[in-house]
Amino acid sequence: MEDIKNFLSKYKGAIIGVIVAIIILATRLYEVIVGILLILAGAFVGNYIQQNKDEVKDKTKKFIDKM
């Protein structure tokens, strides 16, 4: 019994992670999570471009010239 308690206390984070992953996969919630991550990535890229317009313009122009 003591071995089981040691195992659970040592690996409880991994066990909780596996349970959460199974729930996410079983409910197809991962599709929503992927959508939210794509929205956040788009917002981050848009904000970066807006804050660094000249730098992005120069890098884009150099990239197009190389092609």
N, C-alpha and C. Protein backbone atom coordinates (compact mmCIF):
# COMPACT_ATOMS: atom_id res chain seq x y z
N MET A 1 0.83 -1.19 0.00
CA MET A 1 0.00 0.00 0.00
C MET A 1 0.87 1.25 0.00
N GLU A 2 1.98 1.18 0.70
CA GLU A 2 2.89 2.33 0.76
C GLU A 2 3.51 2.61 -0.60
N ASP A 3 3.76 1.53 -1.37
CA ASP A 3 4.33 1.71 -2.71
C ASP A 3 3.37 2.46 -3.63
N ILE A 4 2.09 2.15 -3.51
CA ILE A 4 1.10 2.83 -4.34
C ILE A 4 1.03 4.31 -3.97
N LYS A 5 1.08 4.62 -2.68
CA LYS A 5 1.05 6.02 -2.25
C LYS A 5 2.28 6.77 -2.75
N ASN A 6 3.44 6.13 -2.69
CA ASN A 6 4.67 6.76 -3.20
C ASN A 6 4.58 7.00 -4.70
N PHE A 7 4.07 6.00 -5.42
CA PHE A 7 3.93 6.15 -6.87
C PHE A 7 2.98 7.30 -7.21
N LEU A 8 1.83 7.34 -6.56
CA LEU A 8 0.85 8.39 -6.84
C LEU A 8 1.38 9.77 -6.47
N SER A 9 2.09 9.87 -5.35
CA SER A 9 2.61 11.18 -4.96
C SER A 9 3.75 11.61 -5.87
N LYS A 10 4.50 10.65 -6.38
CA LYS A 10 5.63 10.99 -7.25
C LYS A 10 5.17 11.38 -8.65
N TYR A 11 4.15 10.71 -9.17
CA TYR A 11 3.73 10.91 -10.56
C TYR A 11 2.32 11.50 -10.68
N LYS A 12 1.83 12.21 -9.66
CA LYS A 12 0.46 12.71 -9.74
C LYS A 12 0.29 13.77 -10.83
N GLY A 13 1.32 14.55 -11.12
CA GLY A 13 1.22 15.53 -12.20
C GLY A 13 1.05 14.86 -13.54
N ALA A 14 1.81 13.80 -13.78
CA ALA A 14 1.70 13.07 -15.05
C ALA A 14 0.35 12.37 -15.15
N ILE A 15 -0.12 11.83 -14.05
CA ILE A 15 -1.42 11.14 -14.06
C ILE A 15 -2.54 12.13 -14.37
N ILE A 16 -2.49 13.30 -13.74
CA ILE A 16 -3.50 14.33 -14.00
C ILE A 16 -3.42 14.77 -15.46
N GLY A 17 -2.21 14.93 -15.98
CA GLY A 17 -2.04 15.32 -17.38
C GLY A 17 -2.63 14.31 -18.34
N VAL A 18 -2.43 13.03 -18.07
CA VAL A 18 -2.98 11.97 -18.92
C VAL A 18 -4.51 11.99 -18.86
N ILE A 19 -5.06 12.17 -17.67
CA ILE A 19 -6.52 12.21 -17.54
C ILE A 19 -7.10 13.40 -18.30
N VAL A 20 -6.47 14.56 -18.18
CA VAL A 20 -6.93 15.75 -18.90
C VAL A 20 -6.82 15.53 -20.40
N ALA A 21 -5.72 14.93 -20.86
CA ALA A 21 -5.55 14.66 -22.29
C ALA A 21 -6.62 13.70 -22.80
N ILE A 22 -6.95 12.69 -22.04
CA ILE A 22 -8.00 11.74 -22.45
C ILE A 22 -9.35 12.44 -22.54
N ILE A 23 -9.64 13.31 -21.57
CA ILE A 23 -10.91 14.05 -21.60
C ILE A 23 -10.96 14.97 -22.82
N ILE A 24 -9.86 15.65 -23.11
CA ILE A 24 -9.82 16.56 -24.26
C ILE A 24 -10.02 15.78 -25.56
N LEU A 25 -9.36 14.64 -25.68
CA LEU A 25 -9.51 13.83 -26.90
C LEU A 25 -10.91 13.23 -27.01
N ALA A 26 -11.47 12.80 -25.89
CA ALA A 26 -12.79 12.16 -25.92
C ALA A 26 -13.89 13.15 -26.27
N THR A 27 -13.74 14.40 -25.88
CA THR A 27 -14.78 15.40 -26.14
C THR A 27 -14.50 16.22 -27.39
N ARG A 28 -13.43 15.89 -28.09
CA ARG A 28 -13.01 16.64 -29.29
C ARG A 28 -12.82 18.13 -28.99
N LEU A 29 -12.44 18.42 -27.76
CA LEU A 29 -12.20 19.79 -27.33
C LEU A 29 -10.92 20.34 -27.94
N TYR A 30 -10.06 19.45 -28.43
CA TYR A 30 -8.80 19.89 -29.02
C TYR A 30 -9.03 20.75 -30.25
N GLU A 31 -10.13 20.54 -30.96
CA GLU A 31 -10.43 21.37 -32.13
C GLU A 31 -10.65 22.82 -31.71
N VAL A 32 -11.33 23.01 -30.60
CA VAL A 32 -11.56 24.36 -30.09
C VAL A 32 -10.25 24.98 -29.63
N ILE A 33 -9.43 24.17 -28.96
CA ILE A 33 -8.14 24.67 -28.47
C ILE A 33 -7.25 25.08 -29.63
N VAL A 34 -7.21 24.28 -30.69
CA VAL A 34 -6.41 24.61 -31.87
C VAL A 34 -6.92 25.90 -32.50
N GLY A 35 -8.23 26.05 -32.58
CA GLY A 35 -8.80 27.28 -33.13
C GLY A 35 -8.42 28.51 -32.31
N ILE A 36 -8.49 28.38 -31.00
CA ILE A 36 -8.11 29.50 -30.12
C ILE A 36 -6.63 29.83 -30.29
N LEU A 37 -5.78 28.81 -30.39
CA LEU A 37 -4.35 29.05 -30.58
C LEU A 37 -4.07 29.74 -31.90
N LEU A 38 -4.79 29.36 -32.96
CA LEU A 38 -4.61 30.03 -34.25
C LEU A 38 -5.04 31.49 -34.19
N ILE A 39 -6.13 31.76 -33.49
CA ILE A 39 -6.58 33.14 -33.34
C ILE A 39 -5.55 33.96 -32.57
N LEU A 40 -5.02 33.40 -31.49
CA LEU A 40 -4.00 34.10 -30.70
C LEU A 40 -2.73 34.33 -31.50
N ALA A 41 -2.32 33.34 -32.30
CA ALA A 41 -1.12 33.50 -33.13
C ALA A 41 -1.34 34.58 -34.17
N GLY A 42 -2.52 34.62 -34.77
CA GLY A 42 -2.82 35.66 -35.74
C GLY A 42 -2.81 37.04 -35.12
N ALA A 43 -3.34 37.16 -33.91
CA ALA A 43 -3.34 38.45 -33.21
C ALA A 43 -1.92 38.88 -32.88
N PHE A 44 -1.08 37.93 -32.46
CA PHE A 44 0.31 38.24 -32.12
C PHE A 44 1.07 38.70 -33.36
N VAL A 45 0.90 37.99 -34.47
CA VAL A 45 1.60 38.37 -35.71
C VAL A 45 1.12 39.72 -36.20
N GLY A 46 -0.18 39.94 -36.16
CA GLY A 46 -0.72 41.23 -36.59
C GLY A 46 -0.21 42.38 -35.74
N ASN A 47 -0.13 42.18 -34.44
CA ASN A 47 0.38 43.22 -33.55
C ASN A 47 1.86 43.47 -33.82
N TYR A 48 2.63 42.41 -34.04
CA TYR A 48 4.06 42.57 -34.33
C TYR A 48 4.26 43.37 -35.62
N ILE A 49 3.49 43.03 -36.64
CA ILE A 49 3.62 43.74 -37.91
C ILE A 49 3.24 45.20 -37.75
N GLN A 50 2.20 45.47 -36.99
CA GLN A 50 1.76 46.85 -36.78
C GLN A 50 2.82 47.65 -36.02
N GLN A 51 3.46 47.04 -35.04
CA GLN A 51 4.45 47.74 -34.23
C GLN A 51 5.78 47.92 -34.97
N ASN A 52 6.09 47.06 -35.93
CA ASN A 52 7.37 47.08 -36.63
C ASN A 52 7.16 47.17 -38.14
N LYS A 53 6.36 48.12 -38.59
CA LYS A 53 5.99 48.22 -40.00
C LYS A 53 7.20 48.34 -40.92
N ASP A 54 8.10 49.25 -40.61
CA ASP A 54 9.24 49.49 -41.50
C ASP A 54 10.16 48.27 -41.57
N GLU A 55 10.43 47.66 -40.44
CA GLU A 55 11.31 46.49 -40.41
C GLU A 55 10.69 45.33 -41.19
N VAL A 56 9.40 45.10 -41.00
CA VAL A 56 8.71 44.03 -41.71
C VAL A 56 8.67 44.31 -43.20
N LYS A 57 8.47 45.57 -43.57
CA LYS A 57 8.43 45.95 -44.98
C LYS A 57 9.78 45.68 -45.64
N ASP A 58 10.88 46.03 -44.95
CA ASP A 58 12.21 45.79 -45.50
C ASP A 58 12.49 44.30 -45.64
N LYS A 59 12.15 43.52 -44.61
CA LYS A 59 12.39 42.07 -44.67
C LYS A 59 11.56 41.42 -45.78
N THR A 60 10.32 41.86 -45.93
CA THR A 60 9.46 41.31 -46.98
C THR A 60 10.01 41.65 -48.36
N LYS A 61 10.46 42.88 -48.52
CA LYS A 61 11.01 43.30 -49.81
C LYS A 61 12.27 42.50 -50.15
N LYS A 62 13.16 42.29 -49.17
CA LYS A 62 14.37 41.50 -49.40
C LYS A 62 14.02 40.06 -49.75
N PHE A 63 13.01 39.51 -49.07
CA PHE A 63 12.60 38.13 -49.34
C PHE A 63 12.05 37.99 -50.76
N ILE A 64 11.24 38.93 -51.17
CA ILE A 64 10.66 38.89 -52.52
C ILE A 64 11.75 39.08 -53.57
N ASP A 65 12.72 39.95 -53.30
CA ASP A 65 13.81 40.17 -54.25
C ASP A 65 14.66 38.91 -54.43
N LYS A 66 14.82 38.11 -53.38
CA LYS A 66 15.59 36.87 -53.48
C LYS A 66 14.87 35.84 -54.35
N MET A 67 13.58 35.90 -54.38
CA MET A 67 12.81 34.93 -55.17
C MET A 67 12.92 35.32 -56.61
